[in-house]
N, C-alpha and C. Protein backbone atom coordinates (compact mmCIF):
# COMPACT_ATOMS: atom_id res chain seq x y z
N MET A 1 -27.22 -26.04 9.79
CA MET A 1 -25.72 -26.13 9.11
C MET A 1 -24.91 -26.89 10.01
N SER A 2 -24.09 -27.78 9.30
CA SER A 2 -23.16 -28.68 10.03
C SER A 2 -22.08 -27.91 10.57
N ASP A 3 -21.31 -28.66 11.37
CA ASP A 3 -20.06 -28.12 11.82
C ASP A 3 -18.97 -28.07 10.74
N LEU A 4 -18.99 -28.80 9.76
CA LEU A 4 -18.03 -28.70 8.70
C LEU A 4 -18.31 -27.49 7.81
N GLN A 5 -19.65 -27.19 7.63
CA GLN A 5 -20.09 -25.95 6.86
C GLN A 5 -19.62 -24.71 7.67
N LYS A 6 -19.81 -24.69 8.97
CA LYS A 6 -19.52 -23.44 9.74
C LYS A 6 -17.95 -23.36 9.69
N GLU A 7 -17.25 -24.46 9.88
CA GLU A 7 -15.73 -24.25 9.85
C GLU A 7 -15.25 -23.70 8.38
N VAL A 8 -15.75 -24.28 7.34
CA VAL A 8 -15.53 -23.79 6.06
C VAL A 8 -15.82 -22.29 5.90
N SER A 9 -16.85 -21.88 6.26
CA SER A 9 -17.29 -20.41 6.23
C SER A 9 -16.41 -19.52 7.05
N GLU A 10 -15.94 -20.06 8.24
CA GLU A 10 -15.08 -19.31 9.14
C GLU A 10 -13.76 -19.14 8.45
N LEU A 11 -13.29 -20.35 7.91
CA LEU A 11 -11.97 -20.19 7.22
C LEU A 11 -12.01 -19.23 5.98
N GLU A 12 -13.21 -19.14 5.14
CA GLU A 12 -13.28 -18.31 4.09
C GLU A 12 -13.27 -16.86 4.50
N ARG A 13 -13.87 -16.54 5.73
CA ARG A 13 -14.05 -15.17 6.23
C ARG A 13 -12.53 -14.78 6.64
N LYS A 14 -11.87 -15.66 7.37
CA LYS A 14 -10.44 -15.27 7.72
C LYS A 14 -9.53 -15.15 6.51
N SER A 15 -9.70 -15.88 5.36
CA SER A 15 -8.95 -15.88 4.24
C SER A 15 -9.17 -14.47 3.53
N ALA A 16 -10.41 -13.99 3.60
CA ALA A 16 -10.74 -12.76 2.97
C ALA A 16 -10.12 -11.60 3.67
N THR A 17 -10.19 -11.68 5.04
CA THR A 17 -9.34 -10.69 5.98
C THR A 17 -7.96 -10.70 5.60
N ALA A 18 -7.31 -11.86 5.55
CA ALA A 18 -5.86 -11.95 5.33
C ALA A 18 -5.48 -11.29 3.70
N ALA A 19 -6.51 -11.47 2.91
CA ALA A 19 -6.35 -11.00 1.51
C ALA A 19 -6.24 -9.51 1.55
N ARG A 20 -7.23 -8.84 2.34
CA ARG A 20 -7.19 -7.33 2.47
C ARG A 20 -6.01 -6.95 3.29
N LEU A 21 -5.60 -7.59 4.24
CA LEU A 21 -4.56 -7.09 5.12
C LEU A 21 -3.15 -7.14 4.40
N PHE A 22 -3.02 -8.16 3.56
CA PHE A 22 -1.61 -8.28 2.89
C PHE A 22 -1.74 -7.92 1.43
N ASP A 23 -2.65 -7.01 1.11
CA ASP A 23 -2.69 -6.48 -0.35
C ASP A 23 -1.38 -5.76 -0.74
N ILE A 24 -0.77 -6.07 -1.71
CA ILE A 24 0.53 -5.56 -2.22
C ILE A 24 0.43 -4.08 -2.34
N ARG A 25 -0.65 -3.59 -2.65
CA ARG A 25 -0.86 -2.18 -2.86
C ARG A 25 -0.64 -1.35 -1.44
N ARG A 26 -1.01 -1.89 -0.51
CA ARG A 26 -0.88 -1.30 0.97
C ARG A 26 0.57 -1.38 1.36
N ILE A 27 1.28 -2.45 0.99
CA ILE A 27 2.74 -2.54 1.40
C ILE A 27 3.57 -1.53 0.54
N ILE A 28 3.41 -1.61 -0.76
CA ILE A 28 4.10 -0.72 -1.65
C ILE A 28 3.80 0.82 -1.25
N GLY A 29 2.62 1.17 -1.15
CA GLY A 29 2.13 2.47 -0.82
C GLY A 29 2.66 3.02 0.39
N GLY A 30 2.65 2.06 1.46
CA GLY A 30 3.25 2.48 2.67
C GLY A 30 4.70 2.76 2.73
N LEU A 31 5.36 1.97 2.09
CA LEU A 31 6.82 1.95 1.93
C LEU A 31 7.29 3.27 1.17
N PHE A 32 6.65 3.56 0.00
CA PHE A 32 6.93 4.67 -0.68
C PHE A 32 6.62 6.03 0.00
N VAL A 33 5.46 5.93 0.79
CA VAL A 33 5.19 7.11 1.62
C VAL A 33 6.24 7.34 2.76
N VAL A 34 6.63 6.36 3.38
CA VAL A 34 7.58 6.47 4.54
C VAL A 34 8.99 6.91 3.91
N TYR A 35 9.42 6.26 2.81
CA TYR A 35 10.79 6.63 2.32
C TYR A 35 10.59 8.04 1.62
N GLY A 36 9.52 8.30 1.09
CA GLY A 36 9.16 9.68 0.44
C GLY A 36 9.33 10.74 1.49
N VAL A 37 8.77 10.57 2.53
CA VAL A 37 8.95 11.53 3.70
C VAL A 37 10.39 11.73 4.12
N ILE A 38 11.22 10.63 4.21
CA ILE A 38 12.52 10.74 4.62
C ILE A 38 13.41 11.46 3.59
N VAL A 39 13.21 11.18 2.34
CA VAL A 39 14.00 11.80 1.22
C VAL A 39 13.59 13.24 1.15
N THR A 40 12.32 13.53 1.33
CA THR A 40 11.81 14.91 1.25
C THR A 40 12.39 15.80 2.30
N VAL A 41 12.47 15.27 3.51
CA VAL A 41 13.12 15.84 4.67
C VAL A 41 14.65 16.07 4.31
N ALA A 42 15.20 15.14 3.83
CA ALA A 42 16.68 15.28 3.41
C ALA A 42 16.89 16.39 2.44
N GLY A 43 15.97 16.44 1.49
CA GLY A 43 15.94 17.50 0.40
C GLY A 43 15.68 18.83 1.06
N LEU A 44 14.82 18.96 1.94
CA LEU A 44 14.54 20.24 2.57
C LEU A 44 15.69 20.83 3.43
N THR A 45 16.59 19.92 3.91
CA THR A 45 17.65 20.32 4.71
C THR A 45 18.99 20.27 3.97
N ALA A 46 18.88 20.21 2.64
CA ALA A 46 20.08 19.98 1.91
C ALA A 46 20.99 21.37 1.94
N SER A 47 22.33 21.12 2.14
CA SER A 47 23.28 22.14 2.17
C SER A 47 23.58 22.81 0.79
N ASP A 48 24.28 23.83 0.80
CA ASP A 48 24.62 24.43 -0.53
C ASP A 48 25.65 23.51 -1.19
N ALA A 49 26.46 22.89 -0.40
CA ALA A 49 27.46 22.01 -1.05
C ALA A 49 26.78 20.83 -1.73
N ASP A 50 25.66 20.28 -1.21
CA ASP A 50 25.05 19.21 -1.78
C ASP A 50 24.32 19.62 -3.12
N LEU A 51 23.81 20.88 -3.07
CA LEU A 51 23.15 21.39 -4.34
C LEU A 51 24.20 21.72 -5.36
N LYS A 52 25.55 22.12 -4.95
CA LYS A 52 26.52 22.33 -6.04
C LYS A 52 26.88 20.95 -6.63
N LYS A 53 26.83 19.98 -5.78
CA LYS A 53 27.30 18.52 -6.47
C LYS A 53 26.27 18.29 -7.45
N ALA A 54 24.91 18.45 -7.28
CA ALA A 54 23.89 18.17 -8.25
C ALA A 54 23.56 19.25 -9.18
N GLU A 55 24.49 20.16 -9.48
CA GLU A 55 24.39 21.25 -10.44
C GLU A 55 23.05 22.11 -10.09
N ASP A 56 22.95 22.37 -8.85
CA ASP A 56 21.96 23.27 -8.29
C ASP A 56 20.54 22.65 -8.51
N ILE A 57 20.35 21.38 -8.67
CA ILE A 57 19.08 20.83 -8.54
C ILE A 57 19.03 20.08 -7.29
N ASN A 58 17.79 20.22 -6.64
CA ASN A 58 17.57 19.54 -5.34
C ASN A 58 16.98 18.10 -5.60
N ILE A 59 17.90 17.14 -5.83
CA ILE A 59 17.48 15.85 -6.29
C ILE A 59 16.65 15.22 -5.23
N ASN A 60 17.08 15.35 -4.02
CA ASN A 60 16.39 14.57 -2.86
C ASN A 60 15.05 15.14 -2.71
N LEU A 61 14.88 16.42 -2.84
CA LEU A 61 13.49 17.12 -2.66
C LEU A 61 12.59 16.59 -3.83
N TRP A 62 13.03 16.56 -5.08
CA TRP A 62 12.16 16.17 -6.19
C TRP A 62 11.83 14.60 -6.15
N THR A 63 12.82 13.93 -5.77
CA THR A 63 12.61 12.35 -5.71
C THR A 63 11.70 12.04 -4.70
N GLY A 64 11.92 12.73 -3.46
CA GLY A 64 10.95 12.47 -2.31
C GLY A 64 9.62 12.91 -2.50
N LEU A 65 9.31 13.94 -3.33
CA LEU A 65 8.09 14.40 -3.59
C LEU A 65 7.40 13.26 -4.66
N GLY A 66 8.25 12.81 -5.55
CA GLY A 66 7.67 11.87 -6.50
C GLY A 66 7.31 10.61 -5.74
N MET A 67 8.16 10.14 -4.84
CA MET A 67 7.86 8.96 -4.04
C MET A 67 6.69 9.16 -3.22
N LEU A 68 6.41 10.28 -2.55
CA LEU A 68 5.17 10.49 -1.93
C LEU A 68 4.02 10.47 -2.75
N ALA A 69 4.06 11.05 -3.94
CA ALA A 69 3.08 11.03 -4.94
C ALA A 69 2.66 9.61 -5.31
N LEU A 70 3.71 8.75 -5.61
CA LEU A 70 3.48 7.34 -5.91
C LEU A 70 2.75 6.55 -4.82
N GLY A 71 3.33 6.79 -3.61
CA GLY A 71 2.75 6.10 -2.46
C GLY A 71 1.38 6.44 -2.21
N LEU A 72 1.03 7.68 -2.32
CA LEU A 72 -0.40 8.16 -2.15
C LEU A 72 -1.20 7.66 -3.29
N PHE A 73 -0.71 7.55 -4.48
CA PHE A 73 -1.50 6.89 -5.63
C PHE A 73 -1.82 5.34 -5.21
N PHE A 74 -0.95 4.67 -4.66
CA PHE A 74 -1.17 3.27 -4.33
C PHE A 74 -2.17 3.27 -3.23
N LEU A 75 -2.05 4.05 -2.26
CA LEU A 75 -3.04 3.99 -1.07
C LEU A 75 -4.46 4.44 -1.53
N VAL A 76 -4.69 5.41 -2.35
CA VAL A 76 -5.83 5.95 -2.90
C VAL A 76 -6.40 4.97 -3.71
N TRP A 77 -5.66 4.22 -4.59
CA TRP A 77 -6.07 3.10 -5.40
C TRP A 77 -6.62 1.94 -4.52
N LEU A 78 -5.99 1.70 -3.39
CA LEU A 78 -6.42 0.68 -2.51
C LEU A 78 -7.80 1.05 -1.87
N LYS A 79 -7.93 2.25 -1.55
CA LYS A 79 -9.19 2.79 -0.94
C LYS A 79 -10.31 2.78 -1.88
N LEU A 80 -10.16 3.21 -3.26
CA LEU A 80 -11.12 3.24 -4.11
C LEU A 80 -11.45 1.90 -4.72
N ARG A 81 -10.51 0.91 -4.79
CA ARG A 81 -10.87 -0.37 -5.38
C ARG A 81 -10.39 -1.47 -4.49
N PRO A 82 -11.13 -1.68 -3.42
CA PRO A 82 -10.59 -2.72 -2.41
C PRO A 82 -10.74 -4.13 -2.93
N VAL A 83 -10.03 -4.98 -2.32
CA VAL A 83 -10.02 -6.35 -2.67
C VAL A 83 -11.35 -6.95 -2.26
N VAL A 84 -12.03 -7.72 -3.11
CA VAL A 84 -13.29 -8.29 -2.89
C VAL A 84 -13.00 -9.85 -2.93
N ALA A 85 -13.38 -10.43 -1.82
CA ALA A 85 -13.35 -11.91 -1.69
C ALA A 85 -14.19 -12.54 -2.67
N ALA A 86 -13.84 -13.64 -3.16
CA ALA A 86 -14.59 -14.43 -4.07
C ALA A 86 -15.89 -15.00 -3.22
N ALA A 87 -17.20 -14.83 -3.83
CA ALA A 87 -18.24 -15.43 -3.08
C ALA A 87 -18.21 -16.95 -3.02
N ALA A 88 -18.51 -17.51 -1.83
CA ALA A 88 -18.69 -19.05 -1.81
C ALA A 88 -19.82 -19.49 -2.64
N PRO A 89 -19.64 -20.55 -3.33
CA PRO A 89 -20.82 -21.14 -4.02
C PRO A 89 -21.84 -21.69 -3.15
N GLU A 90 -23.07 -21.30 -3.48
CA GLU A 90 -24.24 -21.80 -2.59
C GLU A 90 -24.40 -23.30 -2.58
N ASP A 91 -24.82 -23.90 -1.53
CA ASP A 91 -24.95 -25.26 -1.36
C ASP A 91 -26.21 -25.69 -2.06
N GLU A 92 -26.24 -26.54 -2.93
CA GLU A 92 -27.35 -26.95 -3.75
C GLU A 92 -28.59 -27.47 -2.93
N GLN A 93 -28.20 -28.14 -1.74
CA GLN A 93 -29.13 -28.72 -0.87
C GLN A 93 -30.00 -27.80 -0.08
N GLU A 94 -29.46 -26.47 0.12
CA GLU A 94 -30.09 -25.58 0.85
C GLU A 94 -31.23 -24.92 0.09
């Protein structure tokens, strides 16, 4: 195997790793989980005055739980269907 072929295969391997690392589902899922935890905690610590403003509906709690569910959906989807790098075409001379 020539040096050029080795270099190309190394770059393809690095590209596949970068594609898995920067998958948009990981970023969206992670952000929704983090913000969902923050908003859920805010909903759990809501005062009576906050609930009165929202007509006795704990908006922060329900929104936080929804964000957590959506974030977990994205992360589970990422785990079940990971990014598969395109296979390199075989060299006809080999």
